[in-house]
Amino acid sequence: MSVVKTKKINDITVNIHDDCIPKDKEEYKKNLKIFYDTINIIFRDKNKLDLFYTEEELKKLKNDRTYEFI
């Protein structure tokens, strides 16, 4: 495992390691799903804004074929 990038903000240093980079499309999809699930949990609990798609909006997006759902 090697460090690909280092980011320093004030006294905090974040290292991004190469083992965090997806190796294939399936791993990328899995990581992206985990990311979105986490974001949804954060905003669902902390924020009352209308940030989520309704069932009708999701159906429209799925039928549109512009996006690839994972």
PDB file of N, CA and C in Angstrom:
ATOM      1  N   MET A   1       0.850  -1.172   0.000  1.00  0.00           N
ATOM      2  CA  MET A   1       0.000   0.000   0.000  1.00  0.00           C
ATOM      3  C   MET A   1       0.893   1.232   0.000  1.00  0.00           C
ATOM      4  N   SER A   2       0.624   2.145  -0.929  1.00  0.00           N
ATOM      5  CA  SER A   2       1.414   3.372  -0.980  1.00  0.00           C
ATOM      6  C   SER A   2       0.492   4.587  -0.994  1.00  0.00           C
ATOM      7  N   VAL A   3       1.025   5.712  -0.568  1.00  0.00           N
ATOM      8  CA  VAL A   3       0.261   6.953  -0.519  1.00  0.00           C
ATOM      9  C   VAL A   3       0.227   7.558  -1.922  1.00  0.00           C
ATOM     10  N   VAL A   4      -0.973   7.828  -2.415  1.00  0.00           N
ATOM     11  CA  VAL A   4      -1.152   8.403  -3.743  1.00  0.00           C
ATOM     12  C   VAL A   4      -1.200   9.928  -3.653  1.00  0.00           C
ATOM     13  N   LYS A   5      -1.842  10.423  -2.593  1.00  0.00           N
ATOM     14  CA  LYS A   5      -2.002  11.860  -2.451  1.00  0.00           C
ATOM     15  C   LYS A   5      -2.076  12.211  -0.966  1.00  0.00           C
ATOM     16  N   THR A   6      -1.539  13.362  -0.627  1.00  0.00           N
ATOM     17  CA  THR A   6      -1.607  13.868   0.742  1.00  0.00           C
ATOM     18  C   THR A   6      -2.243  15.250   0.707  1.00  0.00           C
ATOM     19  N   LYS A   7      -3.193  15.458   1.596  1.00  0.00           N
ATOM     20  CA  LYS A   7      -3.868  16.753   1.690  1.00  0.00           C
ATOM     21  C   LYS A   7      -3.702  17.255   3.114  1.00  0.00           C
ATOM     22  N   LYS A   8      -3.224  18.488   3.268  1.00  0.00           N
ATOM     23  CA  LYS A   8      -3.028  19.071   4.597  1.00  0.00           C
ATOM     24  C   LYS A   8      -3.931  20.286   4.740  1.00  0.00           C
ATOM     25  N   ILE A   9      -4.737  20.280   5.784  1.00  0.00           N
ATOM     26  CA  ILE A   9      -5.617  21.399   6.100  1.00  0.00           C
ATOM     27  C   ILE A   9      -5.350  21.773   7.552  1.00  0.00           C
ATOM     28  N   ASN A  10      -4.742  22.937   7.738  1.00  0.00           N
ATOM     29  CA  ASN A  10      -4.305  23.376   9.068  1.00  0.00           C
ATOM     30  C   ASN A  10      -3.396  22.319   9.680  1.00  0.00           C
ATOM     31  N   ASP A  11      -3.790  21.726  10.792  1.00  0.00           N
ATOM     32  CA  ASP A  11      -2.932  20.730  11.431  1.00  0.00           C
ATOM     33  C   ASP A  11      -3.382  19.293  11.156  1.00  0.00           C
ATOM     34  N   ILE A  12      -4.289  19.130  10.189  1.00  0.00           N
ATOM     35  CA  ILE A  12      -4.802  17.799   9.855  1.00  0.00           C
ATOM     36  C   ILE A  12      -4.212  17.357   8.519  1.00  0.00           C
ATOM     37  N   THR A  13      -3.679  16.145   8.488  1.00  0.00           N
ATOM     38  CA  THR A  13      -3.140  15.574   7.261  1.00  0.00           C
ATOM     39  C   THR A  13      -3.945  14.331   6.894  1.00  0.00           C
ATOM     40  N   VAL A  14      -4.400  14.292   5.641  1.00  0.00           N
ATOM     41  CA  VAL A  14      -5.145  13.140   5.143  1.00  0.00           C
ATOM     42  C   VAL A  14      -4.323  12.506   4.032  1.00  0.00           C
ATOM     43  N   ASN A  15      -4.063  11.209   4.162  1.00  0.00           N
ATOM     44  CA  ASN A  15      -3.351  10.452   3.134  1.00  0.00           C
ATOM     45  C   ASN A  15      -4.327   9.548   2.402  1.00  0.00           C
ATOM     46  N   ILE A  16      -4.290   9.604   1.082  1.00  0.00           N
ATOM     47  CA  ILE A  16      -5.109   8.700   0.266  1.00  0.00           C
ATOM     48  C   ILE A  16      -4.186   7.601  -0.237  1.00  0.00           C
ATOM     49  N   HIS A  17      -4.526   6.366   0.096  1.00  0.00           N
ATOM     50  CA  HIS A  17      -3.703   5.212  -0.263  1.00  0.00           C
ATOM     51  C   HIS A  17      -4.242   4.539  -1.513  1.00  0.00           C
ATOM     52  N   ASP A  18      -3.391   3.895  -2.250  1.00  0.00           N
ATOM     53  CA  ASP A  18      -3.803   3.248  -3.491  1.00  0.00           C
ATOM     54  C   ASP A  18      -4.784   2.103  -3.283  1.00  0.00           C
ATOM     55  N   ASP A  19      -4.833   1.520  -2.108  1.00  0.00           N
ATOM     56  CA  ASP A  19      -5.798   0.442  -1.879  1.00  0.00           C
ATOM     57  C   ASP A  19      -7.224   0.967  -1.737  1.00  0.00           C
ATOM     58  N   CYS A  20      -7.393   2.297  -1.664  1.00  0.00           N
ATOM     59  CA  CYS A  20      -8.721   2.909  -1.600  1.00  0.00           C
ATOM     60  C   CYS A  20      -9.290   3.172  -2.996  1.00  0.00           C
ATOM     61  N   ILE A  21      -8.465   3.042  -4.002  1.00  0.00           N
ATOM     62  CA  ILE A  21      -8.897   3.299  -5.375  1.00  0.00           C
ATOM     63  C   ILE A  21      -9.509   2.016  -5.934  1.00  0.00           C
ATOM     64  N   PRO A  22     -10.751   2.094  -6.429  1.00  0.00           N
ATOM     65  CA  PRO A  22     -11.394   0.888  -6.969  1.00  0.00           C
ATOM     66  C   PRO A  22     -10.590   0.280  -8.116  1.00  0.00           C
ATOM     67  N   LYS A  23     -10.545  -1.036  -8.153  1.00  0.00           N
ATOM     68  CA  LYS A  23      -9.779  -1.752  -9.177  1.00  0.00           C
ATOM     69  C   LYS A  23     -10.622  -2.093 -10.401  1.00  0.00           C
ATOM     70  N   ASP A  24     -11.949  -2.155 -10.212  1.00  0.00           N
ATOM     71  CA  ASP A  24     -12.827  -2.471 -11.339  1.00  0.00           C
ATOM     72  C   ASP A  24     -14.187  -1.793 -11.135  1.00  0.00           C
ATOM     73  N   LYS A  25     -15.048  -1.931 -12.138  1.00  0.00           N
ATOM     74  CA  LYS A  25     -16.340  -1.246 -12.123  1.00  0.00           C
ATOM     75  C   LYS A  25     -17.219  -1.698 -10.953  1.00  0.00           C
ATOM     76  N   GLU A  26     -17.205  -2.973 -10.630  1.00  0.00           N
ATOM     77  CA  GLU A  26     -18.035  -3.480  -9.530  1.00  0.00           C
ATOM     78  C   GLU A  26     -17.597  -2.897  -8.184  1.00  0.00           C
ATOM     79  N   GLU A  27     -16.299  -2.809  -7.972  1.00  0.00           N
ATOM     80  CA  GLU A  27     -15.786  -2.230  -6.735  1.00  0.00           C
ATOM     81  C   GLU A  27     -16.125  -0.739  -6.663  1.00  0.00           C
ATOM     82  N   TYR A  28     -16.026  -0.071  -7.800  1.00  0.00           N
ATOM     83  CA  TYR A  28     -16.386   1.346  -7.871  1.00  0.00           C
ATOM     84  C   TYR A  28     -17.864   1.533  -7.501  1.00  0.00           C
ATOM     85  N   LYS A  29     -18.739   0.704  -8.066  1.00  0.00           N
ATOM     86  CA  LYS A  29     -20.175   0.784  -7.767  1.00  0.00           C
ATOM     87  C   LYS A  29     -20.441   0.559  -6.280  1.00  0.00           C
ATOM     88  N   LYS A  30     -19.770  -0.432  -5.724  1.00  0.00           N
ATOM     89  CA  LYS A  30     -19.947  -0.744  -4.307  1.00  0.00           C
ATOM     90  C   LYS A  30     -19.529   0.449  -3.433  1.00  0.00           C
ATOM     91  N   ASN A  31     -18.375   1.032  -3.732  1.00  0.00           N
ATOM     92  CA  ASN A  31     -17.900   2.185  -2.970  1.00  0.00           C
ATOM     93  C   ASN A  31     -18.830   3.386  -3.117  1.00  0.00           C
ATOM     94  N   LEU A  32     -19.323   3.588  -4.327  1.00  0.00           N
ATOM     95  CA  LEU A  32     -20.227   4.705  -4.576  1.00  0.00           C
ATOM     96  C   LEU A  32     -21.542   4.528  -3.816  1.00  0.00           C
ATOM     97  N   LYS A  33     -22.046   3.315  -3.781  1.00  0.00           N
ATOM     98  CA  LYS A  33     -23.279   3.034  -3.032  1.00  0.00           C
ATOM     99  C   LYS A  33     -23.079   3.316  -1.542  1.00  0.00           C
ATOM    100  N   ILE A  34     -21.972   2.875  -1.003  1.00  0.00           N
ATOM    101  CA  ILE A  34     -21.675   3.138   0.416  1.00  0.00           C
ATOM    102  C   ILE A  34     -21.591   4.644   0.674  1.00  0.00           C
ATOM    103  N   PHE A  35     -20.954   5.358  -0.238  1.00  0.00           N
ATOM    104  CA  PHE A  35     -20.841   6.811  -0.110  1.00  0.00           C
ATOM    105  C   PHE A  35     -22.229   7.458  -0.091  1.00  0.00           C
ATOM    106  N   TYR A  36     -23.081   7.105  -1.062  1.00  0.00           N
ATOM    107  CA  TYR A  36     -24.421   7.696  -1.126  1.00  0.00           C
ATOM    108  C   TYR A  36     -25.262   7.310   0.088  1.00  0.00           C
ATOM    109  N   ASP A  37     -25.167   6.088   0.530  1.00  0.00           N
ATOM    110  CA  ASP A  37     -25.904   5.673   1.725  1.00  0.00           C
ATOM    111  C   ASP A  37     -25.500   6.510   2.931  1.00  0.00           C
ATOM    112  N   THR A  38     -24.204   6.750   3.064  1.00  0.00           N
ATOM    113  CA  THR A  38     -23.693   7.553   4.175  1.00  0.00           C
ATOM    114  C   THR A  38     -24.198   8.985   4.091  1.00  0.00           C
ATOM    115  N   ILE A  39     -24.125   9.573   2.909  1.00  0.00           N
ATOM    116  CA  ILE A  39     -24.617  10.944   2.714  1.00  0.00           C
ATOM    117  C   ILE A  39     -26.112  11.018   3.025  1.00  0.00           C
ATOM    118  N   ASN A  40     -26.873  10.043   2.583  1.00  0.00           N
ATOM    119  CA  ASN A  40     -28.312  10.027   2.856  1.00  0.00           C
ATOM    120  C   ASN A  40     -28.597   9.956   4.353  1.00  0.00           C
ATOM    121  N   ILE A  41     -27.838   9.157   5.064  1.00  0.00           N
ATOM    122  CA  ILE A  41     -28.031   9.057   6.520  1.00  0.00           C
ATOM    123  C   ILE A  41     -27.735  10.393   7.185  1.00  0.00           C
ATOM    124  N   ILE A  42     -26.654  11.033   6.790  1.00  0.00           N
ATOM    125  CA  ILE A  42     -26.277  12.324   7.384  1.00  0.00           C
ATOM    126  C   ILE A  42     -27.369  13.361   7.152  1.00  0.00           C
ATOM    127  N   PHE A  43     -27.806  13.497   5.905  1.00  0.00           N
ATOM    128  CA  PHE A  43     -28.795  14.538   5.607  1.00  0.00           C
ATOM    129  C   PHE A  43     -30.184  14.189   6.110  1.00  0.00           C
ATOM    130  N   ARG A  44     -30.518  12.939   6.150  1.00  0.00           N
ATOM    131  CA  ARG A  44     -31.827  12.544   6.644  1.00  0.00           C
ATOM    132  C   ARG A  44     -31.961  12.904   8.123  1.00  0.00           C
ATOM    133  N   ASP A  45     -30.885  12.738   8.867  1.00  0.00           N
ATOM    134  CA  ASP A  45     -30.929  13.001  10.298  1.00  0.00           C
ATOM    135  C   ASP A  45     -30.723  14.468  10.649  1.00  0.00           C
ATOM    136  N   LYS A  46     -29.953  15.179   9.872  1.00  0.00           N
ATOM    137  CA  LYS A  46     -29.529  16.533  10.245  1.00  0.00           C
ATOM    138  C   LYS A  46     -30.262  17.643   9.502  1.00  0.00           C
ATOM    139  N   ASN A  47     -30.884  17.339   8.419  1.00  0.00           N
ATOM    140  CA  ASN A  47     -31.392  18.395   7.567  1.00  0.00           C
ATOM    141  C   ASN A  47     -32.789  18.046   7.070  1.00  0.00           C
ATOM    142  N   LYS A  48     -33.666  19.000   7.103  1.00  0.00           N
ATOM    143  CA  LYS A  48     -35.046  18.741   6.676  1.00  0.00           C
ATOM    144  C   LYS A  48     -35.327  19.241   5.265  1.00  0.00           C
ATOM    145  N   LEU A  49     -34.282  19.582   4.524  1.00  0.00           N
ATOM    146  CA  LEU A  49     -34.477  20.029   3.152  1.00  0.00           C
ATOM    147  C   LEU A  49     -34.973  18.876   2.284  1.00  0.00           C
ATOM    148  N   ASP A  50     -35.610  19.212   1.213  1.00  0.00           N
ATOM    149  CA  ASP A  50     -36.116  18.200   0.289  1.00  0.00           C
ATOM    150  C   ASP A  50     -35.008  17.797  -0.679  1.00  0.00           C
ATOM    151  N   LEU A  51     -34.096  16.944  -0.219  1.00  0.00           N
ATOM    152  CA  LEU A  51     -32.938  16.554  -1.017  1.00  0.00           C
ATOM    153  C   LEU A  51     -33.102  15.212  -1.714  1.00  0.00           C
ATOM    154  N   PHE A  52     -34.164  14.498  -1.431  1.00  0.00           N
ATOM    155  CA  PHE A  52     -34.302  13.140  -1.922  1.00  0.00           C
ATOM    156  C   PHE A  52     -35.337  13.062  -3.032  1.00  0.00           C
ATOM    157  N   TYR A  53     -35.103  12.135  -3.958  1.00  0.00           N
ATOM    158  CA  TYR A  53     -36.055  11.919  -5.033  1.00  0.00           C
ATOM    159  C   TYR A  53     -37.313  11.248  -4.504  1.00  0.00           C
ATOM    160  N   THR A  54     -38.452  11.659  -5.039  1.00  0.00           N
ATOM    161  CA  THR A  54     -39.695  10.960  -4.730  1.00  0.00           C
ATOM    162  C   THR A  54     -39.729   9.693  -5.584  1.00  0.00           C
ATOM    163  N   GLU A  55     -40.667   8.803  -5.283  1.00  0.00           N
ATOM    164  CA  GLU A  55     -40.804   7.572  -6.081  1.00  0.00           C
ATOM    165  C   GLU A  55     -41.126   7.909  -7.539  1.00  0.00           C
ATOM    166  N   GLU A  56     -41.953   8.918  -7.739  1.00  0.00           N
ATOM    167  CA  GLU A  56     -42.303   9.329  -9.106  1.00  0.00           C
ATOM    168  C   GLU A  56     -41.082   9.861  -9.858  1.00  0.00           C
ATOM    169  N   GLU A  57     -40.268  10.671  -9.189  1.00  0.00           N
ATOM    170  CA  GLU A  57     -39.055  11.197  -9.818  1.00  0.00           C
ATOM    171  C   GLU A  57     -38.085  10.077 -10.165  1.00  0.00           C
ATOM    172  N   LEU A  58     -37.950   9.090  -9.287  1.00  0.00           N
ATOM    173  CA  LEU A  58     -37.072   7.951  -9.557  1.00  0.00           C
ATOM    174  C   LEU A  58     -37.542   7.158 -10.770  1.00  0.00           C
ATOM    175  N   LYS A  59     -38.836   6.916 -10.858  1.00  0.00           N
ATOM    176  CA  LYS A  59     -39.373   6.189 -12.014  1.00  0.00           C
ATOM    177  C   LYS A  59     -39.073   6.941 -13.304  1.00  0.00           C
ATOM    178  N   LYS A  60     -39.265   8.256 -13.270  1.00  0.00           N
ATOM    179  CA  LYS A  60     -38.999   9.065 -14.457  1.00  0.00           C
ATOM    180  C   LYS A  60     -37.522   8.986 -14.848  1.00  0.00           C
ATOM    181  N   LEU A  61     -36.626   9.075 -13.872  1.00  0.00           N
ATOM    182  CA  LEU A  61     -35.192   8.993 -14.140  1.00  0.00           C
ATOM    183  C   LEU A  61     -34.808   7.629 -14.707  1.00  0.00           C
ATOM    184  N   LYS A  62     -35.369   6.567 -14.136  1.00  0.00           N
ATOM    185  CA  LYS A  62     -35.044   5.221 -14.607  1.00  0.00           C
ATOM    186  C   LYS A  62     -35.499   5.006 -16.042  1.00  0.00           C
ATOM    187  N   ASN A  63     -36.643   5.567 -16.384  1.00  0.00           N
ATOM    188  CA  ASN A  63     -37.174   5.403 -17.743  1.00  0.00           C
ATOM    189  C   ASN A  63     -36.491   6.315 -18.747  1.00  0.00           C
ATOM    190  N   ASP A  64     -35.840   7.360 -18.275  1.00  0.00           N
ATOM    191  CA  ASP A  64     -35.194   8.343 -19.131  1.00  0.00           C
ATOM    192  C   ASP A  64     -33.974   7.762 -19.860  1.00  0.00           C
ATOM    193  N   ARG A  65     -33.291   6.830 -19.265  1.00  0.00           N
ATOM    194  CA  ARG A  65     -32.088   6.161 -19.804  1.00  0.00           C
ATOM    195  C   ARG A  65     -30.883   7.100 -19.911  1.00  0.00           C
ATOM    196  N   THR A  66     -30.984   8.291 -19.353  1.00  0.00           N
ATOM    197  CA  THR A  66     -29.837   9.205 -19.329  1.00  0.00           C
ATOM    198  C   THR A  66     -28.835   8.764 -18.278  1.00  0.00           C
ATOM    199  N   TYR A  67     -29.347   8.182 -17.214  1.00  0.00           N
ATOM    200  CA  TYR A  67     -28.512   7.777 -16.098  1.00  0.00           C
ATOM    201  C   TYR A  67     -28.411   6.267 -16.010  1.00  0.00           C
ATOM    202  N   GLU A  68     -27.291   5.796 -15.498  1.00  0.00           N
ATOM    203  CA  GLU A  68     -27.116   4.367 -15.265  1.00  0.00           C
ATOM    204  C   GLU A  68     -27.268   4.120 -13.764  1.00  0.00           C
ATOM    205  N   PHE A  69     -28.320   3.419 -13.395  1.00  0.00           N
ATOM    206  CA  PHE A  69     -28.565   3.144 -11.982  1.00  0.00           C
ATOM    207  C   PHE A  69     -27.747   1.941 -11.548  1.00  0.00           C
ATOM    208  N   ILE A  70     -27.152   2.060 -10.368  1.00  0.00           N
ATOM    209  CA  ILE A  70     -26.317   0.972  -9.859  1.00  0.00           C
ATOM    210  C   ILE A  70     -26.948   0.335  -8.644  1.00  0.00           C
TER     211      ILE A  70
END
